[in-house]
Amino acid sequence: MRFYKYCGLLLLILVFILVNQVNAEPYQNRFASISLGKKKIGHVHFVTKHDDNGILQELKTRSSLSILGKEVYHHNMHVHEIWKEGELQRLWGSANDHGDTYEINLQRNSDNYSGTLNNSLVTLPHNAFPVAVWHYTITQHPVLFSIPGLKLINIKVIKSADKVKIGEKLVPAEKFVFAGDMKFTLWFDHQQQFLKWAYKVKGRRVDVVLDP
């Protein structure tokens, strides 16, 4: 159970996957699969709402992990976001991480990010970028902050060429290996759109891949 719980904690990041890949239709459903080795152990389902310019306004997600057909972890999150020129301007909403609840309210101002996490005051520097693995710009920031925990993470990034299998297709990709306070790998296509995310939990590799 602890292994799956830890997997689930990392999946909090997934609440931001792919939201820049949909158009301005009022609501969109998207899916991604979670695998441990060659075995699928979970899924992510998210519903997004965008404005007429395609900017994300609302996000609802559910992710879960199962073993032998029984759910061992679940996560629900409902957040509102405002982005401008690739930078998060405001984030507010709530999350339930397998029974642990979070209330988040974060605002970008002239000096920093400031707001509350479960009614406690928090401040983050301007140079920090959210751990939003769907967003290609994450590859250009050495300082990140986690969501919903709002903790700072220092990283280094190494880039290389690669390919990712989506369904039965091999898609040319850029591969980014993140090292430092947090270790994971991301793949984006040549249009800078998310394809895949990989990380390790207690030495075991977990893959999250866009469904075809």
C-alpha atoms as a PDB file:
ATOM      1  CA  MET A   1       0.000   0.000   0.000  1.00  0.00           C
ATOM      2  CA  ARG A   2       2.805   2.456   0.848  1.00  0.00           C
ATOM      3  CA  PHE A   3       4.302   2.008  -2.630  1.00  0.00           C
ATOM      4  CA  TYR A   4       0.998   2.872  -4.311  1.00  0.00           C
ATOM      5  CA  LYS A   5       0.393   5.769  -1.930  1.00  0.00           C
ATOM      6  CA  TYR A   6       3.805   7.213  -2.846  1.00  0.00           C
ATOM      7  CA  CYS A   7       3.035   6.704  -6.532  1.00  0.00           C
ATOM      8  CA  GLY A   8      -0.150   8.625  -5.977  1.00  0.00           C
ATOM      9  CA  LEU A   9       1.589  11.531  -4.288  1.00  0.00           C
ATOM     10  CA  LEU A  10       3.725  12.001  -7.386  1.00  0.00           C
ATOM     11  CA  LEU A  11       0.588  11.866  -9.515  1.00  0.00           C
ATOM     12  CA  LEU A  12      -0.565  15.115  -7.941  1.00  0.00           C
ATOM     13  CA  ILE A  13       1.589  16.671 -10.645  1.00  0.00           C
ATOM     14  CA  LEU A  14      -0.671  15.133 -13.269  1.00  0.00           C
ATOM     15  CA  VAL A  15      -3.478  17.537 -12.573  1.00  0.00           C
ATOM     16  CA  PHE A  16      -1.733  19.873 -15.003  1.00  0.00           C
ATOM     17  CA  ILE A  17      -0.924  17.449 -17.828  1.00  0.00           C
ATOM     18  CA  LEU A  18      -2.003  18.298 -21.369  1.00  0.00           C
ATOM     19  CA  VAL A  19      -4.314  21.206 -20.618  1.00  0.00           C
ATOM     20  CA  ASN A  20      -2.591  23.298 -23.269  1.00  0.00           C
ATOM     21  CA  GLN A  21      -3.368  20.703 -25.950  1.00  0.00           C
ATOM     22  CA  VAL A  22      -7.109  21.302 -26.247  1.00  0.00           C
ATOM     23  CA  ASN A  23      -8.944  23.973 -28.177  1.00  0.00           C
ATOM     24  CA  ALA A  24     -11.464  26.550 -27.016  1.00  0.00           C
ATOM     25  CA  GLU A  25     -14.492  24.243 -26.878  1.00  0.00           C
ATOM     26  CA  PRO A  26     -16.233  24.730 -23.486  1.00  0.00           C
ATOM     27  CA  TYR A  27     -15.272  21.325 -22.009  1.00  0.00           C
ATOM     28  CA  GLN A  28     -12.823  18.633 -23.111  1.00  0.00           C
ATOM     29  CA  ASN A  29     -12.176  15.119 -21.784  1.00  0.00           C
ATOM     30  CA  ARG A  30      -8.645  13.675 -21.990  1.00  0.00           C
ATOM     31  CA  PHE A  31      -7.039  10.462 -20.732  1.00  0.00           C
ATOM     32  CA  ALA A  32      -3.559   9.116 -19.901  1.00  0.00           C
ATOM     33  CA  SER A  33      -2.457   5.654 -18.775  1.00  0.00           C
ATOM     34  CA  ILE A  34      -0.192   4.846 -15.800  1.00  0.00           C
ATOM     35  CA  SER A  35       2.017   1.753 -16.092  1.00  0.00           C
ATOM     36  CA  LEU A  36       4.405  -0.085 -13.782  1.00  0.00           C
ATOM     37  CA  GLY A  37       6.740  -1.962 -16.109  1.00  0.00           C
ATOM     38  CA  LYS A  38       4.472  -3.375 -18.820  1.00  0.00           C
ATOM     39  CA  LYS A  39       1.426  -3.540 -16.553  1.00  0.00           C
ATOM     40  CA  LYS A  40      -1.183  -0.801 -16.502  1.00  0.00           C
ATOM     41  CA  ILE A  41      -1.932   0.121 -12.894  1.00  0.00           C
ATOM     42  CA  GLY A  42      -4.003   3.265 -13.231  1.00  0.00           C
ATOM     43  CA  HIS A  43      -5.375   6.091 -15.284  1.00  0.00           C
ATOM     44  CA  VAL A  44      -5.941   9.819 -15.287  1.00  0.00           C
ATOM     45  CA  HIS A  45      -9.156  11.445 -16.471  1.00  0.00           C
ATOM     46  CA  PHE A  46      -9.419  15.187 -16.639  1.00  0.00           C
ATOM     47  CA  VAL A  47     -11.998  17.681 -17.822  1.00  0.00           C
ATOM     48  CA  THR A  48     -10.880  21.154 -18.862  1.00  0.00           C
ATOM     49  CA  LYS A  49     -12.670  24.409 -19.624  1.00  0.00           C
ATOM     50  CA  HIS A  50     -11.023  27.144 -21.715  1.00  0.00           C
ATOM     51  CA  ASP A  51     -11.959  30.669 -22.729  1.00  0.00           C
ATOM     52  CA  ASP A  52     -12.413  31.787 -26.346  1.00  0.00           C
ATOM     53  CA  ASN A  53      -8.650  32.267 -26.684  1.00  0.00           C
ATOM     54  CA  GLY A  54      -7.912  28.716 -25.576  1.00  0.00           C
ATOM     55  CA  ILE A  55      -6.629  29.766 -22.134  1.00  0.00           C
ATOM     56  CA  LEU A  56      -7.352  27.329 -19.331  1.00  0.00           C
ATOM     57  CA  GLN A  57      -9.986  28.539 -16.867  1.00  0.00           C
ATOM     58  CA  GLU A  58     -11.085  25.426 -14.979  1.00  0.00           C
ATOM     59  CA  LEU A  59      -9.705  21.937 -14.410  1.00  0.00           C
ATOM     60  CA  LYS A  60     -11.299  18.851 -12.826  1.00  0.00           C
ATOM     61  CA  THR A  61      -9.311  15.622 -12.539  1.00  0.00           C
ATOM     62  CA  ARG A  62      -9.447  12.142 -11.096  1.00  0.00           C
ATOM     63  CA  SER A  63      -6.520   9.727 -10.964  1.00  0.00           C
ATOM     64  CA  SER A  64      -6.477   6.258  -9.422  1.00  0.00           C
ATOM     65  CA  LEU A  65      -4.174   3.259  -8.919  1.00  0.00           C
ATOM     66  CA  SER A  66      -5.366  -0.338  -8.697  1.00  0.00           C
ATOM     67  CA  ILE A  67      -3.905  -3.748  -7.809  1.00  0.00           C
ATOM     68  CA  LEU A  68      -5.690  -6.983  -8.671  1.00  0.00           C
ATOM     69  CA  GLY A  69      -8.677  -4.918  -9.746  1.00  0.00           C
ATOM     70  CA  LYS A  70      -9.011  -3.109  -6.405  1.00  0.00           C
ATOM     71  CA  GLU A  71      -8.442   0.626  -6.100  1.00  0.00           C
ATOM     72  CA  VAL A  72      -5.633   1.334  -3.636  1.00  0.00           C
ATOM     73  CA  TYR A  73      -5.288   5.067  -4.219  1.00  0.00           C
ATOM     74  CA  HIS A  74      -7.421   7.916  -5.533  1.00  0.00           C
ATOM     75  CA  HIS A  75      -6.944  11.616  -6.058  1.00  0.00           C
ATOM     76  CA  ASN A  76      -9.493  14.302  -6.953  1.00  0.00           C
ATOM     77  CA  MET A  77      -8.726  17.939  -7.702  1.00  0.00           C
ATOM     78  CA  HIS A  78     -10.802  20.902  -8.838  1.00  0.00           C
ATOM     79  CA  VAL A  79      -8.823  24.051  -9.569  1.00  0.00           C
ATOM     80  CA  HIS A  80      -9.149  27.308 -11.469  1.00  0.00           C
ATOM     81  CA  GLU A  81      -6.069  28.723 -13.195  1.00  0.00           C
ATOM     82  CA  ILE A  82      -5.146  31.918 -15.001  1.00  0.00           C
ATOM     83  CA  TRP A  83      -2.051  31.950 -17.251  1.00  0.00           C
ATOM     84  CA  LYS A  84      -0.507  34.844 -19.192  1.00  0.00           C
ATOM     85  CA  GLU A  85       2.455  34.670 -21.581  1.00  0.00           C
ATOM     86  CA  GLY A  86       3.487  31.262 -20.244  1.00  0.00           C
ATOM     87  CA  GLU A  87       3.423  32.253 -16.571  1.00  0.00           C
ATOM     88  CA  LEU A  88       0.885  31.197 -13.958  1.00  0.00           C
ATOM     89  CA  GLN A  89      -0.939  34.303 -12.687  1.00  0.00           C
ATOM     90  CA  ARG A  90      -3.380  32.756 -10.223  1.00  0.00           C
ATOM     91  CA  LEU A  91      -4.300  29.304  -8.920  1.00  0.00           C
ATOM     92  CA  TRP A  92      -7.118  28.450  -6.536  1.00  0.00           C
ATOM     93  CA  GLY A  93      -9.116  25.344  -5.696  1.00  0.00           C
ATOM     94  CA  SER A  94      -9.216  22.178  -3.614  1.00  0.00           C
ATOM     95  CA  ALA A  95      -7.822  18.630  -3.658  1.00  0.00           C
ATOM     96  CA  ASN A  96      -8.463  15.331  -1.906  1.00  0.00           C
ATOM     97  CA  ASP A  97      -5.414  13.072  -1.910  1.00  0.00           C
ATOM     98  CA  HIS A  98      -6.755   9.729  -0.664  1.00  0.00           C
ATOM     99  CA  GLY A  99      -8.383  11.450   2.317  1.00  0.00           C
ATOM    100  CA  ASP A 100      -5.863  14.290   2.808  1.00  0.00           C
ATOM    101  CA  THR A 101      -7.504  17.590   1.862  1.00  0.00           C
ATOM    102  CA  TYR A 102      -5.945  20.800   0.503  1.00  0.00           C
ATOM    103  CA  GLU A 103      -7.329  24.286  -0.058  1.00  0.00           C
ATOM    104  CA  ILE A 104      -5.068  26.394  -2.304  1.00  0.00           C
ATOM    105  CA  ASN A 105      -5.084  30.074  -3.214  1.00  0.00           C
ATOM    106  CA  LEU A 106      -1.996  31.476  -4.961  1.00  0.00           C
ATOM    107  CA  GLN A 107      -1.556  34.846  -6.687  1.00  0.00           C
ATOM    108  CA  ARG A 108       1.360  36.231  -8.730  1.00  0.00           C
ATOM    109  CA  ASN A 109       2.118  39.845  -7.809  1.00  0.00           C
ATOM    110  CA  SER A 110       4.913  42.333  -8.570  1.00  0.00           C
ATOM    111  CA  ASP A 111       7.356  40.795  -6.054  1.00  0.00           C
ATOM    112  CA  ASN A 112       6.517  37.097  -5.743  1.00  0.00           C
ATOM    113  CA  TYR A 113       3.784  34.496  -5.536  1.00  0.00           C
ATOM    114  CA  SER A 114       1.752  34.780  -2.343  1.00  0.00           C
ATOM    115  CA  GLY A 115      -1.352  33.114  -0.957  1.00  0.00           C
ATOM    116  CA  THR A 116      -2.551  30.395   1.391  1.00  0.00           C
ATOM    117  CA  LEU A 117      -2.364  26.627   1.718  1.00  0.00           C
ATOM    118  CA  ASN A 118      -5.001  25.307   4.121  1.00  0.00           C
ATOM    119  CA  ASN A 119      -5.286  28.857   5.534  1.00  0.00           C
ATOM    120  CA  SER A 120      -1.533  29.112   6.229  1.00  0.00           C
ATOM    121  CA  LEU A 121       0.312  31.985   4.512  1.00  0.00           C
ATOM    122  CA  VAL A 122       2.837  31.018   1.814  1.00  0.00           C
ATOM    123  CA  THR A 123       5.281  33.012  -0.345  1.00  0.00           C
ATOM    124  CA  LEU A 124       7.199  31.755  -3.387  1.00  0.00           C
ATOM    125  CA  PRO A 125       9.808  33.558  -5.550  1.00  0.00           C
ATOM    126  CA  HIS A 126       8.991  34.801  -9.065  1.00  0.00           C
ATOM    127  CA  ASN A 127      11.609  32.579 -10.674  1.00  0.00           C
ATOM    128  CA  ALA A 128       9.818  29.439  -9.477  1.00  0.00           C
ATOM    129  CA  PHE A 129       7.688  27.573 -12.031  1.00  0.00           C
ATOM    130  CA  PRO A 130       4.938  25.120 -11.054  1.00  0.00           C
ATOM    131  CA  VAL A 131       5.600  21.397 -11.498  1.00  0.00           C
ATOM    132  CA  ALA A 132       3.277  21.343 -14.503  1.00  0.00           C
ATOM    133  CA  VAL A 133       4.660  18.488 -16.592  1.00  0.00           C
ATOM    134  CA  TRP A 134       2.385  19.249 -19.537  1.00  0.00           C
ATOM    135  CA  HIS A 135       4.003  22.664 -19.989  1.00  0.00           C
ATOM    136  CA  TYR A 136       7.109  22.737 -22.207  1.00  0.00           C
ATOM    137  CA  THR A 137       8.351  25.841 -20.356  1.00  0.00           C
ATOM    138  CA  ILE A 138       9.079  23.663 -17.297  1.00  0.00           C
ATOM    139  CA  THR A 139      12.215  22.538 -19.175  1.00  0.00           C
ATOM    140  CA  GLN A 140      13.604  26.084 -18.997  1.00  0.00           C
ATOM    141  CA  HIS A 141      13.309  26.699 -15.235  1.00  0.00           C
ATOM    142  CA  PRO A 142      15.907  25.562 -12.634  1.00  0.00           C
ATOM    143  CA  VAL A 143      13.533  26.264  -9.722  1.00  0.00           C
ATOM    144  CA  LEU A 144      10.084  24.657  -9.482  1.00  0.00           C
ATOM    145  CA  PHE A 145       7.334  24.523  -6.876  1.00  0.00           C
ATOM    146  CA  SER A 146       5.123  21.561  -6.111  1.00  0.00           C
ATOM    147  CA  ILE A 147       1.321  21.552  -6.256  1.00  0.00           C
ATOM    148  CA  PRO A 148      -0.566  21.320  -3.975  1.00  0.00           C
ATOM    149  CA  GLY A 149       2.261  21.339  -1.372  1.00  0.00           C
ATOM    150  CA  LEU A 150       3.820  24.616  -2.677  1.00  0.00           C
ATOM    151  CA  LYS A 151       7.387  23.524  -1.814  1.00  0.00           C
ATOM    152  CA  LEU A 152      10.462  24.741  -3.719  1.00  0.00           C
ATOM    153  CA  ILE A 153      12.407  22.234  -5.837  1.00  0.00           C
ATOM    154  CA  ASN A 154      15.863  22.872  -7.376  1.00  0.00           C
ATOM    155  CA  ILE A 155      16.636  20.913 -10.537  1.00  0.00           C
ATOM    156  CA  LYS A 156      18.989  20.559 -13.513  1.00  0.00           C
ATOM    157  CA  VAL A 157      17.806  19.514 -16.988  1.00  0.00           C
ATOM    158  CA  ILE A 158      19.588  17.505 -19.720  1.00  0.00           C
ATOM    159  CA  LYS A 159      18.058  17.461 -23.223  1.00  0.00           C
ATOM    160  CA  SER A 160      18.423  14.835 -25.998  1.00  0.00           C
ATOM    161  CA  ALA A 161      16.591  13.497 -29.070  1.00  0.00           C
ATOM    162  CA  ASP A 162      14.392  10.412 -28.711  1.00  0.00           C
ATOM    163  CA  LYS A 163      11.171   8.697 -29.855  1.00  0.00           C
ATOM    164  CA  VAL A 164       8.036   7.778 -27.890  1.00  0.00           C
ATOM    165  CA  LYS A 165       5.553   5.019 -28.680  1.00  0.00           C
ATOM    166  CA  ILE A 166       1.981   6.337 -28.615  1.00  0.00           C
ATOM    167  CA  GLY A 167      -0.350   3.472 -29.447  1.00  0.00           C
ATOM    168  CA  GLU A 168       1.299   1.803 -32.432  1.00  0.00           C
ATOM    169  CA  LYS A 169       3.180   4.913 -33.612  1.00  0.00           C
ATOM    170  CA  LEU A 170       6.729   6.002 -32.857  1.00  0.00           C
ATOM    171  CA  VAL A 171       6.662   9.775 -32.437  1.00  0.00           C
ATOM    172  CA  PRO A 172       9.894  11.846 -32.734  1.00  0.00           C
ATOM    173  CA  ALA A 173      10.448  13.616 -29.431  1.00  0.00           C
ATOM    174  CA  GLU A 174      12.662  15.776 -27.265  1.00  0.00           C
ATOM    175  CA  LYS A 175      13.673  14.047 -24.039  1.00  0.00           C
ATOM    176  CA  PHE A 176      14.362  16.018 -20.845  1.00  0.00           C
ATOM    177  CA  VAL A 177      15.995  14.376 -17.820  1.00  0.00           C
ATOM    178  CA  PHE A 178      15.398  16.299 -14.578  1.00  0.00           C
ATOM    179  CA  ALA A 179      17.835  15.795 -11.679  1.00  0.00           C
ATOM    180  CA  GLY A 180      18.301  17.426  -8.277  1.00  0.00           C
ATOM    181  CA  ASP A 181      15.671  17.678  -5.544  1.00  0.00           C
ATOM    182  CA  MET A 182      13.261  15.777  -7.802  1.00  0.00           C
ATOM    183  CA  LYS A 183      14.117  13.206 -10.472  1.00  0.00           C
ATOM    184  CA  PHE A 184      11.894  12.496 -13.479  1.00  0.00           C
ATOM    185  CA  THR A 185      11.938  12.484 -17.290  1.00  0.00           C
ATOM    186  CA  LEU A 186       9.623  14.212 -19.763  1.00  0.00           C
ATOM    187  CA  TRP A 187       9.106  13.809 -23.505  1.00  0.00           C
ATOM    188  CA  PHE A 188       7.573  16.423 -25.813  1.00  0.00           C
ATOM    189  CA  ASP A 189       6.909  16.265 -29.557  1.00  0.00           C
ATOM    190  CA  HIS A 190       8.335  18.798 -32.003  1.00  0.00           C
ATOM    191  CA  GLN A 191       5.312  21.047 -31.441  1.00  0.00           C
ATOM    192  CA  GLN A 192       6.276  21.141 -27.749  1.00  0.00           C
ATOM    193  CA  GLN A 193       3.251  19.060 -26.766  1.00  0.00           C
ATOM    194  CA  PHE A 194       3.398  16.520 -23.903  1.00  0.00           C
ATOM    195  CA  LEU A 195       3.852  12.857 -24.788  1.00  0.00           C
ATOM    196  CA  LYS A 196       5.199  10.997 -21.754  1.00  0.00           C
ATOM    197  CA  TRP A 197       6.377  11.290 -18.146  1.00  0.00           C
ATOM    198  CA  ALA A 198       8.541   8.730 -16.295  1.00  0.00           C
ATOM    199  CA  TYR A 199       9.749   8.580 -12.682  1.00  0.00           C
ATOM    200  CA  LYS A 200      10.865   5.986 -10.139  1.00  0.00           C
ATOM    201  CA  VAL A 201       9.237   4.992  -6.867  1.00  0.00           C
ATOM    202  CA  LYS A 202      11.477   2.936  -4.576  1.00  0.00           C
ATOM    203  CA  GLY A 203      13.522   1.795  -7.572  1.00  0.00           C
ATOM    204  CA  ARG A 204      10.510   0.866  -9.711  1.00  0.00           C
ATOM    205  CA  ARG A 205       9.774   2.843 -12.879  1.00  0.00           C
ATOM    206  CA  VAL A 206       6.338   4.341 -13.455  1.00  0.00           C
ATOM    207  CA  ASP A 207       5.317   5.645 -16.901  1.00  0.00           C
ATOM    208  CA  VAL A 208       2.465   8.010 -17.708  1.00  0.00           C
ATOM    209  CA  VAL A 209       1.701   8.086 -21.439  1.00  0.00           C
ATOM    210  CA  LEU A 210      -0.829  10.052 -23.449  1.00  0.00           C
ATOM    211  CA  ASP A 211      -3.578   7.763 -24.730  1.00  0.00           C
ATOM    212  CA  PRO A 212      -3.768   7.643 -28.557  1.00  0.00           C
END
